């Protein structure tokens, strides 16, 4: 299925309609809707409208649209002195779209002293594998030799990348994956990276909060623009 071309989802298609994001609850984190399914058309329609799924095993599918929304504008990527040194020394080999299965499995593994990561259920993994096969989901991998030590995955629509999850098994590996991805997206003319919700890790890389309506306006501008089709790659230099 690697040769299948991405298909476009019209956000006005009522078959995959969601409530208006302005109706999302203020707490917790903008719960908007419950139920539905994870078929590709519905997932893409959700992202296009600023909505994403997030739920635990045993729960119905929960759909969210936080306010504020954490985003990163590619030209505002912050690369610290230590991270710049790591990139320059090429401590990791960075690739894209070569090990999606391994990346999503690593992202779904429970983290030390935390249950984070367990929200990536078996159904969620299957849904994003399908999006990857169709050319909509993408991943970035960090390697130390032949060992996968970091990475991330998400969804691309137009010139927006919607980040989903990242993992790291070596110091700075996830930061390297993220930085290299953002640098590549800027070269391709992408205008926005959706980080969903705030974390200190993302803030250190230049992510910022914007209000939900501003986020909607940015999606309306950047999603209809032609994005990068096919399997992604990253340039040799960071």
Protein backbone atom coordinates (compact mmCIF):
# COMPACT_ATOMS: atom_id res chain seq x y z
CA UNK A 1 0.00 0.00 0.00
CA UNK A 2 3.02 2.31 -0.02
CA UNK A 3 2.05 3.77 -3.38
CA UNK A 4 -1.39 5.06 -2.38
CA UNK A 5 -1.84 8.81 -2.70
CA UNK A 6 -3.24 10.89 0.17
CA UNK A 7 -6.89 11.85 -0.20
CA UNK A 8 -8.39 15.19 0.78
CA UNK A 9 -11.11 15.61 3.36
CA UNK A 10 -13.55 18.48 2.93
CA UNK A 11 -14.26 19.83 6.44
CA UNK A 12 -17.81 20.60 5.24
CA UNK A 13 -18.54 16.90 4.62
CA UNK A 14 -21.38 16.26 7.05
CA UNK A 15 -20.66 12.52 7.19
CA UNK A 16 -17.67 13.32 9.40
CA UNK A 17 -18.94 16.45 11.09
CA UNK A 18 -18.10 17.40 14.66
CA UNK A 19 -19.65 20.01 16.92
CA UNK A 20 -18.12 23.44 16.45
CA UNK A 21 -14.90 23.68 18.45
CA UNK A 22 -16.21 26.77 20.24
CA UNK A 23 -18.50 24.37 22.12
CA UNK A 24 -15.61 22.44 23.69
CA UNK A 25 -15.63 22.41 27.48
CA UNK A 26 -13.13 24.64 29.24
CA UNK A 27 -12.12 21.76 31.52
CA UNK A 28 -10.49 19.38 31.21
CA UNK A 29 -8.48 20.38 28.13
CA UNK A 30 -11.42 21.08 25.85
CA UNK A 31 -13.54 17.91 25.68
CA UNK A 32 -15.78 18.32 22.63
CA UNK A 33 -17.39 14.99 21.69
CA UNK A 34 -17.69 11.33 22.68
CA UNK A 35 -18.01 8.29 20.43
CA UNK A 36 -17.62 7.77 16.70
CA UNK A 37 -14.83 5.77 15.15
CA UNK A 38 -11.20 6.06 14.05
CA UNK A 39 -11.60 5.54 10.32
CA UNK A 40 -9.17 7.67 8.26
CA UNK A 41 -11.83 10.04 6.97
CA UNK A 42 -13.04 10.89 10.46
CA UNK A 43 -9.54 11.34 11.85
CA UNK A 44 -8.55 13.67 9.02
CA UNK A 45 -11.77 15.62 9.34
CA UNK A 46 -11.12 15.98 13.06
CA UNK A 47 -7.57 17.28 12.63
CA UNK A 48 -8.69 19.65 9.89
CA UNK A 49 -11.16 21.16 12.37
CA UNK A 50 -8.66 21.39 15.24
CA UNK A 51 -9.81 18.24 17.06
CA UNK A 52 -7.90 15.12 18.10
CA UNK A 53 -8.74 11.81 19.85
CA UNK A 54 -7.35 11.03 23.29
CA UNK A 55 -8.76 8.34 25.55
CA UNK A 56 -7.74 5.36 27.66
CA UNK A 57 -8.44 1.68 27.18
CA UNK A 58 -12.00 0.86 28.16
CA UNK A 59 -13.29 4.38 27.51
CA UNK A 60 -15.31 5.53 24.51
CA UNK A 61 -13.40 7.62 21.99
CA UNK A 62 -13.01 11.14 23.39
CA UNK A 63 -12.41 14.11 21.07
CA UNK A 64 -10.62 17.25 22.30
CA UNK A 65 -9.99 20.83 21.23
CA UNK A 66 -7.99 22.63 23.95
CA UNK A 67 -8.01 26.38 24.53
CA UNK A 68 -5.32 27.63 24.55
CA UNK A 69 -3.65 25.48 21.89
CA UNK A 70 0.08 24.84 21.95
CA UNK A 71 1.71 25.33 18.56
CA UNK A 72 5.11 25.97 17.08
CA UNK A 73 5.73 28.18 14.09
CA UNK A 74 8.64 26.56 12.24
CA UNK A 75 10.59 29.80 11.89
CA UNK A 76 10.42 30.22 15.68
CA UNK A 77 12.11 26.91 16.51
CA UNK A 78 14.46 27.45 19.43
CA UNK A 79 17.64 25.40 19.31
CA UNK A 80 19.65 25.75 22.51
CA UNK A 81 23.42 25.88 22.45
CA UNK A 82 23.70 22.33 23.76
CA UNK A 83 21.14 21.00 21.25
CA UNK A 84 22.86 22.85 18.43
CA UNK A 85 26.10 21.13 19.43
CA UNK A 86 24.38 17.73 19.42
CA UNK A 87 22.95 18.42 15.96
CA UNK A 88 26.30 19.63 14.64
CA UNK A 89 28.14 16.59 15.95
CA UNK A 90 25.50 14.30 14.39
CA UNK A 91 25.36 12.04 17.44
CA UNK A 92 22.26 10.44 16.01
CA UNK A 93 21.33 9.34 12.51
CA UNK A 94 17.97 10.86 11.69
CA UNK A 95 15.51 9.35 9.20
CA UNK A 96 11.84 9.74 8.41
CA UNK A 97 9.06 7.31 7.55
CA UNK A 98 11.27 4.24 7.74
CA UNK A 99 10.13 2.64 11.02
CA UNK A 100 6.61 3.83 11.77
CA UNK A 101 5.61 0.61 13.51
CA UNK A 102 8.60 0.77 15.87
CA UNK A 103 8.05 4.46 16.63
CA UNK A 104 4.38 4.15 17.53
CA UNK A 105 5.11 1.07 19.65
CA UNK A 106 7.81 2.98 21.53
CA UNK A 107 5.50 5.96 22.01
CA UNK A 108 2.77 3.69 23.39
CA UNK A 109 4.98 2.03 26.00
CA UNK A 110 4.35 3.19 29.60
CA UNK A 111 6.97 5.71 30.73
CA UNK A 112 9.01 5.38 33.89
CA UNK A 113 6.91 6.22 36.98
CA UNK A 114 4.06 7.33 34.74
CA UNK A 115 1.06 6.00 32.91
CA UNK A 116 1.60 8.45 30.03
CA UNK A 117 1.78 6.64 26.76
CA UNK A 118 -0.89 4.09 27.68
CA UNK A 119 -3.53 6.23 25.96
CA UNK A 120 -2.19 4.96 22.61
CA UNK A 121 -4.48 1.94 22.57
CA UNK A 122 -4.37 -0.95 20.13
CA UNK A 123 -7.20 0.66 18.14
CA UNK A 124 -5.32 3.96 18.04
CA UNK A 125 -2.15 2.26 16.82
CA UNK A 126 -4.05 0.47 14.07
CA UNK A 127 -5.76 3.70 13.01
CA UNK A 128 -2.48 5.60 12.67
CA UNK A 129 -0.82 2.69 10.89
CA UNK A 130 -3.62 2.95 8.35
CA UNK A 131 -3.04 6.71 8.02
CA UNK A 132 0.64 6.00 7.46
CA UNK A 133 -0.13 3.47 4.74
CA UNK A 134 -2.34 6.07 3.06
CA UNK A 135 0.38 8.71 3.22
CA UNK A 136 -1.14 10.99 5.88
CA UNK A 137 0.79 9.98 9.01
CA UNK A 138 4.55 10.40 9.26
CA UNK A 139 7.33 9.69 11.71
CA UNK A 140 10.90 10.76 12.41
CA UNK A 141 13.42 8.33 13.86
CA UNK A 142 16.68 8.86 15.75
CA UNK A 143 19.20 6.03 15.58
CA UNK A 144 22.40 5.25 17.46
CA UNK A 145 23.96 2.68 15.23
CA UNK A 146 21.14 0.24 14.50
CA UNK A 147 19.27 1.05 17.73
CA UNK A 148 16.17 3.23 17.62
CA UNK A 149 16.65 5.66 20.52
CA UNK A 150 14.09 8.38 19.84
CA UNK A 151 11.38 9.58 17.55
CA UNK A 152 7.94 11.04 17.03
CA UNK A 153 4.89 10.64 14.83
CA UNK A 154 1.96 12.73 13.71
CA UNK A 155 -0.34 13.65 10.83
CA UNK A 156 0.23 15.98 7.91
CA UNK A 157 -2.60 17.94 6.27
CA UNK A 158 -1.65 20.59 3.75
CA UNK A 159 1.19 22.56 5.28
CA UNK A 160 0.38 21.70 8.88
CA UNK A 161 1.96 18.91 10.90
CA UNK A 162 -0.15 17.68 13.81
CA UNK A 163 2.20 16.13 16.34
CA UNK A 164 0.89 13.17 18.30
CA UNK A 165 3.59 11.67 20.49
CA UNK A 166 7.34 11.35 20.92
CA UNK A 167 9.71 9.15 22.89
CA UNK A 168 13.35 9.14 23.91
CA UNK A 169 15.70 6.40 25.07
CA UNK A 170 18.82 8.56 24.93
CA UNK A 171 19.48 12.09 26.07
CA UNK A 172 18.20 14.69 23.58
CA UNK A 173 17.05 12.05 21.07
CA UNK A 174 13.44 13.27 20.95
CA UNK A 175 14.61 16.89 20.81
CA UNK A 176 16.85 16.06 17.86
CA UNK A 177 13.98 14.31 16.07
CA UNK A 178 11.67 17.25 16.66
CA UNK A 179 14.22 19.91 15.70
CA UNK A 180 15.22 18.15 12.51
CA UNK A 181 11.58 17.68 11.55
CA UNK A 182 10.76 21.34 12.13
CA UNK A 183 13.82 22.46 10.19
CA UNK A 184 12.73 20.26 7.30
CA UNK A 185 9.15 21.51 7.46
CA UNK A 186 10.37 25.09 7.29
CA UNK A 187 12.38 24.24 4.16
CA UNK A 188 9.21 22.80 2.62
CA UNK A 189 7.23 25.95 3.40
CA UNK A 190 5.08 24.53 6.20
CA UNK A 191 3.47 27.16 8.40
CA UNK A 192 2.45 25.37 11.58
CA UNK A 193 3.21 22.48 13.92
CA UNK A 194 0.36 21.56 16.27
CA UNK A 195 1.72 20.47 19.65
CA UNK A 196 -1.77 20.12 21.19
CA UNK A 197 -1.09 20.88 24.87
CA UNK A 198 1.69 22.66 26.70
CA UNK A 199 4.74 20.99 28.17
CA UNK A 200 8.03 22.43 29.38
CA UNK A 201 9.81 20.18 26.89
CA UNK A 202 7.94 21.73 23.94
CA UNK A 203 8.21 25.25 25.33
CA UNK A 204 11.99 24.88 25.47
CA UNK A 205 11.90 24.22 21.71
CA UNK A 206 9.89 27.35 20.94
CA UNK A 207 6.29 26.20 21.28
CA UNK A 208 3.77 28.79 22.41
CA UNK A 209 0.10 29.02 23.31
CA UNK A 210 -2.51 30.65 21.09
CA UNK A 211 -6.27 30.85 21.53
CA UNK A 212 -8.54 28.31 19.91
CA UNK A 213 -10.07 30.72 17.38
CA UNK A 214 -6.64 31.84 16.19
CA UNK A 215 -5.72 28.19 15.76
CA UNK A 216 -8.85 27.64 13.65
CA UNK A 217 -7.88 30.57 11.43
CA UNK A 218 -4.39 29.19 10.94
CA UNK A 219 -5.79 25.79 9.93
CA UNK A 220 -8.09 27.48 7.43
CA UNK A 221 -5.06 29.20 5.91
CA UNK A 222 -2.44 26.43 5.93
CA UNK A 223 -4.40 23.16 5.54
CA UNK A 224 -5.73 23.84 2.01
CA UNK A 225 -2.22 24.56 0.72
CA UNK A 226 -0.38 21.70 -1.02
CA UNK A 227 1.85 19.78 1.36
CA UNK A 228 4.59 17.22 0.90
CA UNK A 229 3.22 14.07 -0.70
CA UNK A 230 4.59 10.54 -0.42
CA UNK A 231 7.09 9.27 2.12
CA UNK A 232 8.98 12.01 3.92
CA UNK A 233 12.73 12.33 4.38
CA UNK A 234 15.03 14.71 6.23
CA UNK A 235 17.99 16.52 4.78
CA UNK A 236 21.49 15.38 5.68
CA UNK A 237 22.26 18.58 7.57
CA UNK A 238 20.41 19.86 10.62
